[in-house]
PDB file of N, CA and C in Angstrom:
ATOM      1  N   MET A   1     -12.161 -11.749 -13.190  1.00  0.00           N
ATOM      2  CA  MET A   1     -11.032 -10.533 -13.102  1.00  0.00           C
ATOM      3  C   MET A   1      -9.734 -10.766 -13.596  1.00  0.00           C
ATOM      4  N   LYS A   2      -9.171  -9.961 -14.242  1.00  0.00           N
ATOM      5  CA  LYS A   2      -7.787 -10.344 -14.646  1.00  0.00           C
ATOM      6  C   LYS A   2      -6.797  -9.874 -13.335  1.00  0.00           C
ATOM      7  N   GLY A   3      -5.771 -10.515 -13.227  1.00  0.00           N
ATOM      8  CA  GLY A   3      -4.624 -10.187 -12.300  1.00  0.00           C
ATOM      9  C   GLY A   3      -3.583  -9.333 -12.681  1.00  0.00           C
ATOM     10  N   PRO A   4      -2.612  -8.968 -11.831  1.00  0.00           N
ATOM     11  CA  PRO A   4      -1.499  -8.387 -12.234  1.00  0.00           C
ATOM     12  C   PRO A   4      -0.732  -9.267 -13.201  1.00  0.00           C
ATOM     13  N   VAL A   5       0.025  -8.738 -14.112  1.00  0.00           N
ATOM     14  CA  VAL A   5       0.731  -9.431 -15.072  1.00  0.00           C
ATOM     15  C   VAL A   5       1.840 -10.253 -14.525  1.00  0.00           C
ATOM     16  N   ARG A   6       2.663  -9.498 -13.482  1.00  0.00           N
ATOM     17  CA  ARG A   6       3.769 -10.229 -12.925  1.00  0.00           C
ATOM     18  C   ARG A   6       3.525 -10.246 -11.357  1.00  0.00           C
ATOM     19  N   ILE A   7       3.964 -11.286 -10.799  1.00  0.00           N
ATOM     20  CA  ILE A   7       3.771 -11.426  -9.425  1.00  0.00           C
ATOM     21  C   ILE A   7       5.217 -11.194  -8.862  1.00  0.00           C
ATOM     22  N   THR A   8       5.528 -10.071  -8.332  1.00  0.00           N
ATOM     23  CA  THR A   8       6.985  -9.721  -7.781  1.00  0.00           C
ATOM     24  C   THR A   8       7.044  -9.678  -6.325  1.00  0.00           C
ATOM     25  N   ASP A   9       8.168  -9.491  -5.763  1.00  0.00           N
ATOM     26  CA  ASP A   9       8.111  -9.117  -4.345  1.00  0.00           C
ATOM     27  C   ASP A   9       7.613  -7.784  -3.983  1.00  0.00           C
ATOM     28  N   PRO A  10       8.031  -6.795  -4.712  1.00  0.00           N
ATOM     29  CA  PRO A  10       7.302  -5.489  -4.497  1.00  0.00           C
ATOM     30  C   PRO A  10       5.923  -5.444  -4.501  1.00  0.00           C
ATOM     31  N   LEU A  11       5.208  -6.230  -5.446  1.00  0.00           N
ATOM     32  CA  LEU A  11       3.903  -6.277  -5.681  1.00  0.00           C
ATOM     33  C   LEU A  11       3.299  -6.967  -4.357  1.00  0.00           C
ATOM     34  N   LEU A  12       3.869  -8.055  -3.839  1.00  0.00           N
ATOM     35  CA  LEU A  12       3.462  -8.666  -2.495  1.00  0.00           C
ATOM     36  C   LEU A  12       3.508  -7.746  -1.385  1.00  0.00           C
ATOM     37  N   ASP A  13       4.631  -7.044  -1.430  1.00  0.00           N
ATOM     38  CA  ASP A  13       4.854  -6.020  -0.342  1.00  0.00           C
ATOM     39  C   ASP A  13       3.621  -4.896  -0.192  1.00  0.00           C
ATOM     40  N   VAL A  14       3.391  -4.507  -1.380  1.00  0.00           N
ATOM     41  CA  VAL A  14       2.484  -3.440  -1.496  1.00  0.00           C
ATOM     42  C   VAL A  14       0.941  -3.978  -0.993  1.00  0.00           C
ATOM     43  N   LEU A  15       0.744  -5.338  -1.521  1.00  0.00           N
ATOM     44  CA  LEU A  15      -0.808  -5.958  -1.170  1.00  0.00           C
ATOM     45  C   LEU A  15      -0.487  -6.106   0.304  1.00  0.00           C
ATOM     46  N   GLU A  16       0.445  -6.426   0.941  1.00  0.00           N
ATOM     47  CA  GLU A  16       0.544  -6.591   2.580  1.00  0.00           C
ATOM     48  C   GLU A  16      -0.004  -5.334   3.109  1.00  0.00           C
ATOM     49  N   VAL A  17       0.607  -4.257   2.675  1.00  0.00           N
ATOM     50  CA  VAL A  17       0.398  -2.865   3.291  1.00  0.00           C
ATOM     51  C   VAL A  17      -1.125  -2.516   3.077  1.00  0.00           C
ATOM     52  N   LEU A  18      -1.709  -2.859   1.886  1.00  0.00           N
ATOM     53  CA  LEU A  18      -3.043  -2.486   1.692  1.00  0.00           C
ATOM     54  C   LEU A  18      -3.876  -3.397   2.308  1.00  0.00           C
ATOM     55  N   LEU A  19      -3.753  -4.596   2.506  1.00  0.00           N
ATOM     56  CA  LEU A  19      -4.521  -5.705   3.436  1.00  0.00           C
ATOM     57  C   LEU A  19      -4.362  -4.959   4.935  1.00  0.00           C
ATOM     58  N   GLU A  20      -3.278  -4.649   5.383  1.00  0.00           N
ATOM     59  CA  GLU A  20      -3.269  -4.078   6.684  1.00  0.00           C
ATOM     60  C   GLU A  20      -3.963  -2.770   6.672  1.00  0.00           C
ATOM     61  N   ALA A  21      -3.971  -1.959   5.830  1.00  0.00           N
ATOM     62  CA  ALA A  21      -4.749  -0.706   5.830  1.00  0.00           C
ATOM     63  C   ALA A  21      -6.186  -1.205   5.847  1.00  0.00           C
ATOM     64  N   PHE A  22      -6.635  -2.212   4.993  1.00  0.00           N
ATOM     65  CA  PHE A  22      -8.234  -2.563   4.848  1.00  0.00           C
ATOM     66  C   PHE A  22      -8.591  -3.091   6.303  1.00  0.00           C
ATOM     67  N   ARG A  23      -7.732  -3.910   6.911  1.00  0.00           N
ATOM     68  CA  ARG A  23      -8.137  -4.218   8.216  1.00  0.00           C
ATOM     69  C   ARG A  23      -8.221  -3.185   9.229  1.00  0.00           C
ATOM     70  N   GLU A  24      -7.518  -2.263   9.121  1.00  0.00           N
ATOM     71  CA  GLU A  24      -7.527  -1.034  10.121  1.00  0.00           C
ATOM     72  C   GLU A  24      -8.516   0.163   9.468  1.00  0.00           C
ATOM     73  N   ASN A  25      -9.336  -0.202   8.320  1.00  0.00           N
ATOM     74  CA  ASN A  25     -10.211   0.793   7.909  1.00  0.00           C
ATOM     75  C   ASN A  25      -9.580   1.948   7.520  1.00  0.00           C
ATOM     76  N   ARG A  26      -8.317   1.982   6.706  1.00  0.00           N
ATOM     77  CA  ARG A  26      -7.802   3.194   6.411  1.00  0.00           C
ATOM     78  C   ARG A  26      -7.446   3.153   4.994  1.00  0.00           C
ATOM     79  N   GLN A  27      -7.171   4.305   4.473  1.00  0.00           N
ATOM     80  CA  GLN A  27      -6.703   4.725   3.014  1.00  0.00           C
ATOM     81  C   GLN A  27      -5.443   5.027   2.991  1.00  0.00           C
ATOM     82  N   PRO A  28      -4.266   4.392   2.808  1.00  0.00           N
ATOM     83  CA  PRO A  28      -3.011   5.058   2.710  1.00  0.00           C
ATOM     84  C   PRO A  28      -2.781   5.804   1.414  1.00  0.00           C
ATOM     85  N   HIS A  29      -1.843   6.848   1.533  1.00  0.00           N
ATOM     86  CA  HIS A  29      -1.551   7.528   0.251  1.00  0.00           C
ATOM     87  C   HIS A  29      -0.310   6.840  -0.221  1.00  0.00           C
ATOM     88  N   GLY A  30       0.101   7.178  -1.375  1.00  0.00           N
ATOM     89  CA  GLY A  30       1.202   6.423  -2.294  1.00  0.00           C
ATOM     90  C   GLY A  30       2.706   6.714  -1.348  1.00  0.00           C
ATOM     91  N   TRP A  31       2.839   7.783  -0.816  1.00  0.00           N
ATOM     92  CA  TRP A  31       4.327   7.964  -0.008  1.00  0.00           C
ATOM     93  C   TRP A  31       4.131   7.124   1.199  1.00  0.00           C
ATOM     94  N   ALA A  32       3.029   7.074   1.811  1.00  0.00           N
ATOM     95  CA  ALA A  32       2.828   6.085   3.269  1.00  0.00           C
ATOM     96  C   ALA A  32       3.366   4.640   2.876  1.00  0.00           C
ATOM     97  N   ILE A  33       2.644   4.252   1.636  1.00  0.00           N
ATOM     98  CA  ILE A  33       2.861   2.938   1.180  1.00  0.00           C
ATOM     99  C   ILE A  33       4.299   2.774   0.750  1.00  0.00           C
ATOM    100  N   MET A  34       4.982   3.708   0.059  1.00  0.00           N
ATOM    101  CA  MET A  34       6.358   3.750  -0.201  1.00  0.00           C
ATOM    102  C   MET A  34       7.241   3.589   1.146  1.00  0.00           C
ATOM    103  N   LYS A  35       6.931   4.194   1.901  1.00  0.00           N
ATOM    104  CA  LYS A  35       7.778   4.400   3.291  1.00  0.00           C
ATOM    105  C   LYS A  35       7.467   2.963   4.096  1.00  0.00           C
ATOM    106  N   ALA A  36       6.226   2.542   4.024  1.00  0.00           N
ATOM    107  CA  ALA A  36       5.940   1.160   4.818  1.00  0.00           C
ATOM    108  C   ALA A  36       6.569  -0.042   4.101  1.00  0.00           C
ATOM    109  N   VAL A  37       6.940  -0.088   2.858  1.00  0.00           N
ATOM    110  CA  VAL A  37       7.445  -1.139   2.275  1.00  0.00           C
ATOM    111  C   VAL A  37       8.917  -1.099   1.907  1.00  0.00           C
ATOM    112  N   GLY A  38       9.289   0.267   2.193  1.00  0.00           N
ATOM    113  CA  GLY A  38      10.878   0.540   2.060  1.00  0.00           C
ATOM    114  C   GLY A  38      11.328   0.271   0.673  1.00  0.00           C
ATOM    115  N   ARG A  39      10.469   0.620  -0.282  1.00  0.00           N
ATOM    116  CA  ARG A  39      11.016   0.445  -1.733  1.00  0.00           C
ATOM    117  C   ARG A  39      10.837   2.090  -2.323  1.00  0.00           C
ATOM    118  N   SER A  40      11.430   2.235  -3.459  1.00  0.00           N
ATOM    119  CA  SER A  40      11.501   3.311  -4.183  1.00  0.00           C
ATOM    120  C   SER A  40      10.045   3.790  -4.652  1.00  0.00           C
ATOM    121  N   GLY A  41       9.920   5.084  -4.873  1.00  0.00           N
ATOM    122  CA  GLY A  41       8.646   5.600  -5.584  1.00  0.00           C
ATOM    123  C   GLY A  41       8.411   5.015  -7.042  1.00  0.00           C
ATOM    124  N   PRO A  42       9.384   4.919  -7.770  1.00  0.00           N
ATOM    125  CA  PRO A  42       8.916   4.538  -9.026  1.00  0.00           C
ATOM    126  C   PRO A  42       8.454   2.887  -9.088  1.00  0.00           C
ATOM    127  N   THR A  43       9.041   2.276  -8.015  1.00  0.00           N
ATOM    128  CA  THR A  43       8.665   0.784  -7.878  1.00  0.00           C
ATOM    129  C   THR A  43       7.269   0.581  -7.413  1.00  0.00           C
ATOM    130  N   VAL A  44       7.022   1.371  -6.227  1.00  0.00           N
ATOM    131  CA  VAL A  44       5.743   1.460  -5.504  1.00  0.00           C
ATOM    132  C   VAL A  44       4.539   1.888  -6.467  1.00  0.00           C
ATOM    133  N   TYR A  45       4.806   2.998  -7.169  1.00  0.00           N
ATOM    134  CA  TYR A  45       3.691   3.618  -7.937  1.00  0.00           C
ATOM    135  C   TYR A  45       3.502   2.699  -9.096  1.00  0.00           C
ATOM    136  N   GLY A  46       4.489   2.019  -9.780  1.00  0.00           N
ATOM    137  CA  GLY A  46       4.380   1.078 -10.732  1.00  0.00           C
ATOM    138  C   GLY A  46       3.415  -0.012 -10.478  1.00  0.00           C
ATOM    139  N   VAL A  47       3.640  -0.509  -9.195  1.00  0.00           N
ATOM    140  CA  VAL A  47       2.824  -1.622  -8.625  1.00  0.00           C
ATOM    141  C   VAL A  47       1.499  -1.149  -8.472  1.00  0.00           C
ATOM    142  N   LEU A  48       1.094  -0.164  -7.940  1.00  0.00           N
ATOM    143  CA  LEU A  48      -0.065   0.665  -7.669  1.00  0.00           C
ATOM    144  C   LEU A  48      -0.822   0.727  -9.038  1.00  0.00           C
ATOM    145  N   ASP A  49       0.000   1.149 -10.019  1.00  0.00           N
ATOM    146  CA  ASP A  49      -0.735   1.273 -11.405  1.00  0.00           C
ATOM    147  C   ASP A  49      -1.277   0.008 -11.921  1.00  0.00           C
ATOM    148  N   ARG A  50      -0.413  -0.982 -11.781  1.00  0.00           N
ATOM    149  CA  ARG A  50      -0.890  -2.338 -12.217  1.00  0.00           C
ATOM    150  C   ARG A  50      -1.947  -2.901 -11.401  1.00  0.00           C
ATOM    151  N   LEU A  51      -1.971  -2.711 -10.234  1.00  0.00           N
ATOM    152  CA  LEU A  51      -3.209  -3.076  -9.383  1.00  0.00           C
ATOM    153  C   LEU A  51      -4.484  -2.401  -9.760  1.00  0.00           C
ATOM    154  N   GLU A  52      -4.218  -1.164 -10.060  1.00  0.00           N
ATOM    155  CA  GLU A  52      -5.614  -0.328 -10.552  1.00  0.00           C
ATOM    156  C   GLU A  52      -5.936  -0.964 -11.788  1.00  0.00           C
ATOM    157  N   ASP A  53      -5.055  -1.058 -12.804  1.00  0.00           N
ATOM    158  CA  ASP A  53      -5.360  -1.574 -14.230  1.00  0.00           C
ATOM    159  C   ASP A  53      -6.124  -3.010 -13.920  1.00  0.00           C
ATOM    160  N   ALA A  54      -5.684  -3.715 -12.996  1.00  0.00           N
ATOM    161  CA  ALA A  54      -6.160  -4.966 -12.911  1.00  0.00           C
ATOM    162  C   ALA A  54      -7.552  -5.223 -12.081  1.00  0.00           C
ATOM    163  N   GLY A  55      -8.069  -3.823 -11.663  1.00  0.00           N
ATOM    164  CA  GLY A  55      -9.204  -3.625 -10.822  1.00  0.00           C
ATOM    165  C   GLY A  55      -9.020  -4.244  -9.429  1.00  0.00           C
ATOM    166  N   TRP A  56      -7.891  -4.319  -8.866  1.00  0.00           N
ATOM    167  CA  TRP A  56      -7.674  -4.782  -7.450  1.00  0.00           C
ATOM    168  C   TRP A  56      -7.656  -3.608  -6.643  1.00  0.00           C
ATOM    169  N   VAL A  57      -7.344  -2.362  -7.109  1.00  0.00           N
ATOM    170  CA  VAL A  57      -7.270  -1.235  -6.270  1.00  0.00           C
ATOM    171  C   VAL A  57      -7.989  -0.004  -6.967  1.00  0.00           C
ATOM    172  N   THR A  58      -8.582   0.661  -6.005  1.00  0.00           N
ATOM    173  CA  THR A  58      -9.055   2.163  -6.705  1.00  0.00           C
ATOM    174  C   THR A  58      -8.399   3.104  -5.948  1.00  0.00           C
ATOM    175  N   SER A  59      -8.411   4.394  -6.455  1.00  0.00           N
ATOM    176  CA  SER A  59      -7.663   5.565  -5.843  1.00  0.00           C
ATOM    177  C   SER A  59      -8.497   6.762  -6.123  1.00  0.00           C
ATOM    178  N   GLN A  60      -8.208   7.648  -5.274  1.00  0.00           N
ATOM    179  CA  GLN A  60      -8.779   9.011  -5.295  1.00  0.00           C
ATOM    180  C   GLN A  60      -7.829   9.913  -4.732  1.00  0.00           C
ATOM    181  N   TRP A  61      -8.059  11.322  -5.285  1.00  0.00           N
ATOM    182  CA  TRP A  61      -7.043  12.495  -4.903  1.00  0.00           C
ATOM    183  C   TRP A  61      -7.975  13.230  -3.725  1.00  0.00           C
ATOM    184  N   GLU A  62      -7.261  13.526  -2.952  1.00  0.00           N
ATOM    185  CA  GLU A  62      -7.881  14.496  -1.821  1.00  0.00           C
ATOM    186  C   GLU A  62      -8.201  15.949  -2.266  1.00  0.00           C
ATOM    187  N   GLN A  63      -9.107  16.613  -1.834  1.00  0.00           N
ATOM    188  CA  GLN A  63      -9.433  17.786  -2.303  1.00  0.00           C
ATOM    189  C   GLN A  63      -8.257  18.844  -2.144  1.00  0.00           C
ATOM    190  N   GLN A  64      -7.811  18.785  -0.866  1.00  0.00           N
ATOM    191  CA  GLN A  64      -6.525  19.783  -0.543  1.00  0.00           C
ATOM    192  C   GLN A  64      -5.722  18.922   0.498  1.00  0.00           C
ATOM    193  N   HIS A  65      -4.392  19.254   0.602  1.00  0.00           N
ATOM    194  CA  HIS A  65      -3.552  18.700   1.615  1.00  0.00           C
ATOM    195  C   HIS A  65      -3.847  19.390   2.870  1.00  0.00           C
ATOM    196  N   PRO A  66      -3.915  18.805   4.106  1.00  0.00           N
ATOM    197  CA  PRO A  66      -4.232  19.652   5.123  1.00  0.00           C
ATOM    198  C   PRO A  66      -3.099  20.744   5.545  1.00  0.00           C
ATOM    199  N   GLN A  67      -1.938  20.672   4.974  1.00  0.00           N
ATOM    200  CA  GLN A  67      -0.804  21.611   5.339  1.00  0.00           C
ATOM    201  C   GLN A  67      -0.817  22.432   4.306  1.00  0.00           C
ATOM    202  N   ASP A  68      -0.595  23.751   4.372  1.00  0.00           N
ATOM    203  CA  ASP A  68      -0.425  24.693   3.334  1.00  0.00           C
ATOM    204  C   ASP A  68       0.872  24.548   2.495  1.00  0.00           C
ATOM    205  N   ASN A  69       0.588  24.814   1.295  1.00  0.00           N
ATOM    206  CA  ASN A  69       1.949  24.591   0.289  1.00  0.00           C
ATOM    207  C   ASN A  69       2.246  22.990  -0.038  1.00  0.00           C
ATOM    208  N   LYS A  70       1.416  22.180   0.411  1.00  0.00           N
ATOM    209  CA  LYS A  70       1.846  20.926   0.064  1.00  0.00           C
ATOM    210  C   LYS A  70       0.914  20.229  -1.145  1.00  0.00           C
ATOM    211  N   PRO A  71       1.546  19.235  -1.847  1.00  0.00           N
ATOM    212  CA  PRO A  71       0.743  18.675  -2.985  1.00  0.00           C
ATOM    213  C   PRO A  71      -0.416  17.920  -2.376  1.00  0.00           C
ATOM    214  N   ARG A  72      -1.460  17.717  -3.237  1.00  0.00           N
ATOM    215  CA  ARG A  72      -2.502  16.897  -2.868  1.00  0.00           C
ATOM    216  C   ARG A  72      -2.024  15.337  -2.984  1.00  0.00           C
ATOM    217  N   ARG A  73      -2.479  14.637  -2.097  1.00  0.00           N
ATOM    218  CA  ARG A  73      -2.017  13.178  -1.980  1.00  0.00           C
ATOM    219  C   ARG A  73      -3.173  12.135  -2.566  1.00  0.00           C
ATOM    220  N   ARG A  74      -2.757  11.186  -3.158  1.00  0.00           N
ATOM    221  CA  ARG A  74      -3.696  10.135  -3.831  1.00  0.00           C
ATOM    222  C   ARG A  74      -3.726   9.082  -2.903  1.00  0.00           C
ATOM    223  N   PHE A  75      -5.082   8.615  -2.378  1.00  0.00           N
ATOM    224  CA  PHE A  75      -5.231   7.635  -1.523  1.00  0.00           C
ATOM    225  C   PHE A  75      -5.673   6.289  -2.209  1.00  0.00           C
ATOM    226  N   TYR A  76      -5.264   5.127  -1.843  1.00  0.00           N
ATOM    227  CA  TYR A  76      -5.408   3.875  -2.412  1.00  0.00           C
ATOM    228  C   TYR A  76      -6.264   2.821  -1.439  1.00  0.00           C
ATOM    229  N   GLN A  77      -6.980   2.194  -1.988  1.00  0.00           N
ATOM    230  CA  GLN A  77      -7.731   0.828  -1.356  1.00  0.00           C
ATOM    231  C   GLN A  77      -8.081  -0.096  -2.163  1.00  0.00           C
ATOM    232  N   LEU A  78      -8.118  -1.363  -1.539  1.00  0.00           N
ATOM    233  CA  LEU A  78      -8.274  -2.542  -2.401  1.00  0.00           C
ATOM    234  C   LEU A  78      -9.987  -2.629  -2.559  1.00  0.00           C
ATOM    235  N   THR A  79     -10.244  -3.189  -3.799  1.00  0.00           N
ATOM    236  CA  THR A  79     -11.604  -3.193  -4.132  1.00  0.00           C
ATOM    237  C   THR A  79     -11.963  -4.738  -3.342  1.00  0.00           C
ATOM    238  N   PRO A  80     -13.311  -4.823  -3.172  1.00  0.00           N
ATOM    239  CA  PRO A  80     -13.787  -6.156  -2.580  1.00  0.00           C
ATOM    240  C   PRO A  80     -13.021  -7.183  -3.382  1.00  0.00           C
ATOM    241  N   SER A  81     -13.095  -7.331  -4.510  1.00  0.00           N
ATOM    242  CA  SER A  81     -12.516  -8.587  -5.401  1.00  0.00           C
ATOM    243  C   SER A  81     -11.012  -8.525  -4.906  1.00  0.00           C
ATOM    244  N   GLY A  82     -10.337  -7.238  -4.951  1.00  0.00           N
ATOM    245  CA  GLY A  82      -8.910  -7.278  -4.951  1.00  0.00           C
ATOM    246  C   GLY A  82      -8.455  -7.788  -3.531  1.00  0.00           C
ATOM    247  N   THR A  83      -9.423  -7.410  -2.405  1.00  0.00           N
ATOM    248  CA  THR A  83      -9.015  -7.943  -1.314  1.00  0.00           C
ATOM    249  C   THR A  83      -9.069  -9.577  -1.057  1.00  0.00           C
ATOM    250  N   THR A  84      -9.980 -10.103  -1.886  1.00  0.00           N
ATOM    251  CA  THR A  84     -10.181 -11.649  -1.925  1.00  0.00           C
ATOM    252  C   THR A  84      -9.138 -11.988  -2.688  1.00  0.00           C
ATOM    253  N   GLU A  85      -8.701 -11.517  -3.855  1.00  0.00           N
ATOM    254  CA  GLU A  85      -7.761 -11.981  -4.603  1.00  0.00           C
ATOM    255  C   GLU A  85      -6.216 -11.857  -3.906  1.00  0.00           C
ATOM    256  N   ALA A  86      -6.088 -10.599  -3.335  1.00  0.00           N
ATOM    257  CA  ALA A  86      -4.829 -10.344  -2.697  1.00  0.00           C
ATOM    258  C   ALA A  86      -4.627 -11.357  -1.383  1.00  0.00           C
ATOM    259  N   THR A  87      -5.504 -11.669  -0.601  1.00  0.00           N
ATOM    260  CA  THR A  87      -5.459 -12.436   0.483  1.00  0.00           C
ATOM    261  C   THR A  87      -5.118 -13.973  -0.050  1.00  0.00           C
ATOM    262  N   GLY A  88      -5.674 -14.427  -1.127  1.00  0.00           N
ATOM    263  CA  GLY A  88      -5.436 -15.602  -1.750  1.00  0.00           C
ATOM    264  C   GLY A  88      -3.936 -15.688  -2.083  1.00  0.00           C
ATOM    265  N   LEU A  89      -3.598 -14.808  -2.806  1.00  0.00           N
ATOM    266  CA  LEU A  89      -2.189 -14.721  -3.444  1.00  0.00           C
ATOM    267  C   LEU A  89      -1.109 -14.605  -2.403  1.00  0.00           C
ATOM    268  N   LEU A  90      -1.396 -13.978  -1.362  1.00  0.00           N
ATOM    269  CA  LEU A  90      -0.390 -13.814  -0.335  1.00  0.00           C
ATOM    270  C   LEU A  90      -0.301 -15.106   0.584  1.00  0.00           C
ATOM    271  N   ALA A  91      -1.482 -15.844   0.671  1.00  0.00           N
ATOM    272  CA  ALA A  91      -1.511 -17.169   1.244  1.00  0.00           C
ATOM    273  C   ALA A  91      -0.762 -18.236   0.521  1.00  0.00           C
ATOM    274  N   ARG A  92      -0.677 -18.034  -0.671  1.00  0.00           N
ATOM    275  CA  ARG A  92       0.039 -18.928  -1.479  1.00  0.00           C
ATOM    276  C   ARG A  92       1.452 -18.535  -1.534  1.00  0.00           C
ATOM    277  N   ARG A  93       1.695 -17.100  -1.768  1.00  0.00           N
ATOM    278  CA  ARG A  93       3.258 -16.779  -2.101  1.00  0.00           C
ATOM    279  C   ARG A  93       3.980 -16.698  -0.780  1.00  0.00           C
ATOM    280  N   ARG A  94       3.267 -16.365   0.291  1.00  0.00           N
ATOM    281  CA  ARG A  94       3.813 -16.116   1.712  1.00  0.00           C
ATOM    282  C   ARG A  94       3.229 -16.905   2.631  1.00  0.00           C
ATOM    283  N   PRO A  95       3.248 -18.127   2.667  1.00  0.00           N
ATOM    284  CA  PRO A  95       2.428 -18.887   3.478  1.00  0.00           C
ATOM    285  C   PRO A  95       2.933 -19.007   5.004  1.00  0.00           C
ATOM    286  N   THR A  96       4.431 -18.913   4.999  1.00  0.00           N
ATOM    287  CA  THR A  96       4.911 -19.138   6.461  1.00  0.00           C
ATOM    288  C   THR A  96       4.806 -17.713   7.354  1.00  0.00           C
ATOM    289  N   ASN A  97       4.487 -16.628   6.671  1.00  0.00           N
ATOM    290  CA  ASN A  97       4.530 -15.435   7.346  1.00  0.00           C
ATOM    291  C   ASN A  97       3.389 -14.382   6.703  1.00  0.00           C
ATOM    292  N   PRO A  98       2.064 -14.932   6.844  1.00  0.00           N
ATOM    293  CA  PRO A  98       1.103 -14.185   6.153  1.00  0.00           C
ATOM    294  C   PRO A  98       0.799 -12.761   6.971  1.00  0.00           C
ATOM    295  N   GLY A  99       0.612 -11.725   6.038  1.00  0.00           N
ATOM    296  CA  GLY A  99       0.403 -10.577   6.630  1.00  0.00           C
ATOM    297  C   GLY A  99       1.734  -9.826   7.005  1.00  0.00           C
ATOM    298  N   ARG A 100       2.852 -10.238   6.706  1.00  0.00           N
ATOM    299  CA  ARG A 100       4.336  -9.745   7.101  1.00  0.00           C
ATOM    300  C   ARG A 100       5.102  -9.596   5.745  1.00  0.00           C
ATOM    301  N   SER A 101       5.667  -8.582   5.562  1.00  0.00           N
ATOM    302  CA  SER A 101       6.552  -8.457   4.466  1.00  0.00           C
ATOM    303  C   SER A 101       7.937  -9.387   4.475  1.00  0.00           C
ATOM    304  N   GLN A 102       8.393  -9.906   3.410  1.00  0.00           N
ATOM    305  CA  GLN A 102       9.734 -10.623   3.477  1.00  0.00           C
ATOM    306  C   GLN A 102      10.772  -9.582   3.111  1.00  0.00           C
ATOM    307  N   HIS A 103      10.353  -8.471   2.687  1.00  0.00           N
ATOM    308  CA  HIS A 103      11.341  -7.430   2.218  1.00  0.00           C
ATOM    309  C   HIS A 103      11.897  -6.734   3.474  1.00  0.00           C
ATOM    310  N   GLN A 104      13.135  -6.486   3.571  1.00  0.00           N
ATOM    311  CA  GLN A 104      13.684  -5.960   4.570  1.00  0.00           C
ATOM    312  C   GLN A 104      13.218  -4.230   4.759  1.00  0.00           C
ATOM    313  N   ARG A 105      12.251  -4.148   5.670  1.00  0.00           N
ATOM    314  CA  ARG A 105      11.699  -2.931   5.880  1.00  0.00           C
ATOM    315  C   ARG A 105      12.570  -2.251   7.071  1.00  0.00           C
ATOM    316  N   ARG A 106      12.584  -0.676   6.873  1.00  0.00           N
ATOM    317  CA  ARG A 106      13.144  -0.286   8.112  1.00  0.00           C
ATOM    318  C   ARG A 106      12.022  -0.540   9.208  1.00  0.00           C
ATOM    319  N   PRO A 107      12.526  -0.901  10.401  1.00  0.00           N
ATOM    320  CA  PRO A 107      11.843  -1.297  11.529  1.00  0.00           C
ATOM    321  C   PRO A 107      10.810  -0.147  12.063  1.00  0.00           C
ATOM    322  N   ASP A 108      11.242   1.147  11.961  1.00  0.00           N
ATOM    323  CA  ASP A 108      10.221   2.341  12.385  1.00  0.00           C
ATOM    324  C   ASP A 108       9.408   2.881  11.325  1.00  0.00           C
ATOM    325  N   TRP A 109       9.310   2.001  10.087  1.00  0.00           N
ATOM    326  CA  TRP A 109       8.432   2.544   8.949  1.00  0.00           C
ATOM    327  C   TRP A 109       7.280   1.688   8.647  1.00  0.00           C
ATOM    328  N   GLY A 110       6.760   0.822   9.581  1.00  0.00           N
ATOM    329  CA  GLY A 110       5.394   0.340   9.173  1.00  0.00           C
ATOM    330  C   GLY A 110       4.306   1.310   9.078  1.00  0.00           C
ATOM    331  N   LEU A 111       3.153   0.839   8.415  1.00  0.00           N
ATOM    332  CA  LEU A 111       2.247   1.602   8.025  1.00  0.00           C
ATOM    333  C   LEU A 111       1.605   2.387   9.273  1.00  0.00           C
ATOM    334  N   GLY A 112       1.525   1.686  10.497  1.00  0.00           N
ATOM    335  CA  GLY A 112       0.854   2.426  11.551  1.00  0.00           C
ATOM    336  C   GLY A 112       1.974   3.485  12.108  1.00  0.00           C
ATOM    337  N   ALA A 113       3.318   3.397  12.062  1.00  0.00           N
ATOM    338  CA  ALA A 113       4.147   4.346  12.526  1.00  0.00           C
ATOM    339  C   ALA A 113       3.962   5.612  11.510  1.00  0.00           C
ATOM    340  N   VAL A 114       3.981   5.399  10.138  1.00  0.00           N
ATOM    341  CA  VAL A 114       3.757   6.379   9.369  1.00  0.00           C
ATOM    342  C   VAL A 114       2.514   7.127   9.528  1.00  0.00           C
ATOM    343  N   TRP A 115       1.351   6.411   9.740  1.00  0.00           N
ATOM    344  CA  TRP A 115       0.216   7.106  10.024  1.00  0.00           C
ATOM    345  C   TRP A 115       0.362   7.965  11.265  1.00  0.00           C
ATOM    346  N   ARG A 116       0.851   7.359  12.441  1.00  0.00           N
ATOM    347  CA  ARG A 116       1.047   7.965  13.507  1.00  0.00           C
ATOM    348  C   ARG A 116       1.839   9.527  13.285  1.00  0.00           C
ATOM    349  N   GLY A 117       2.829   9.171  12.747  1.00  0.00           N
ATOM    350  CA  GLY A 117       3.833  10.334  12.205  1.00  0.00           C
ATOM    351  C   GLY A 117       2.924  11.559  11.728  1.00  0.00           C
ATOM    352  N   MET A 118       2.025  11.092  10.644  1.00  0.00           N
ATOM    353  CA  MET A 118       1.319  12.118  10.001  1.00  0.00           C
ATOM    354  C   MET A 118       0.455  12.791  10.925  1.00  0.00           C
ATOM    355  N   GLN A 119      -0.077  12.208  11.863  1.00  0.00           N
ATOM    356  CA  GLN A 119      -1.127  12.542  12.817  1.00  0.00           C
ATOM    357  C   GLN A 119      -0.555  13.491  13.777  1.00  0.00           C
ATOM    358  N   ALA A 120       0.838  13.271  14.044  1.00  0.00           N
ATOM    359  CA  ALA A 120       1.499  14.174  14.943  1.00  0.00           C
ATOM    360  C   ALA A 120       2.228  15.415  14.218  1.00  0.00           C
ATOM    361  N   GLY A 121       1.881  15.586  13.087  1.00  0.00           N
ATOM    362  CA  GLY A 121       2.148  16.782  12.425  1.00  0.00           C
ATOM    363  C   GLY A 121       3.509  16.727  11.541  1.00  0.00           C
ATOM    364  N   GLY A 122       3.632  15.483  11.035  1.00  0.00           N
ATOM    365  CA  GLY A 122       4.823  15.246  10.017  1.00  0.00           C
ATOM    366  C   GLY A 122       5.241  13.877  10.256  1.00  0.00           C
ATOM    367  N   VAL A 123       5.995  13.460   9.279  1.00  0.00           N
ATOM    368  CA  VAL A 123       6.693  12.318   9.134  1.00  0.00           C
ATOM    369  C   VAL A 123       8.140  12.393   9.164  1.00  0.00           C
ATOM    370  N   ARG A 124       8.990  11.559   9.850  1.00  0.00           N
ATOM    371  CA  ARG A 124      10.359  11.760  10.042  1.00  0.00           C
ATOM    372  C   ARG A 124      11.103  11.663   8.661  1.00  0.00           C
TER     373      ARG A 124
END
């Protein structure tokens, strides 16, 4: 399997969020990933595109957003081989703090907080 062309901090941040989602048996959508890592949309969606091209991630569009007049969301998940590759890459690149981003995230925007906000009827 080919890997992402460039290994960057944003890529590692997104992989950490996707691994957290995998462990929690969830499929985050792009906006939730963007908020969890605290990076801009173009950065996060560029990483997700590279991961999908490399075969590490798959995505699917929801049929309809649960709230009226909202656009459909695209949900992402690691493939089995992507999970293995991401785990190894993060162990090599972030060995002192596996599973936690080195990027300065907003403390209230972890992936769990984003999902809890969505379930409560909206995100801050």
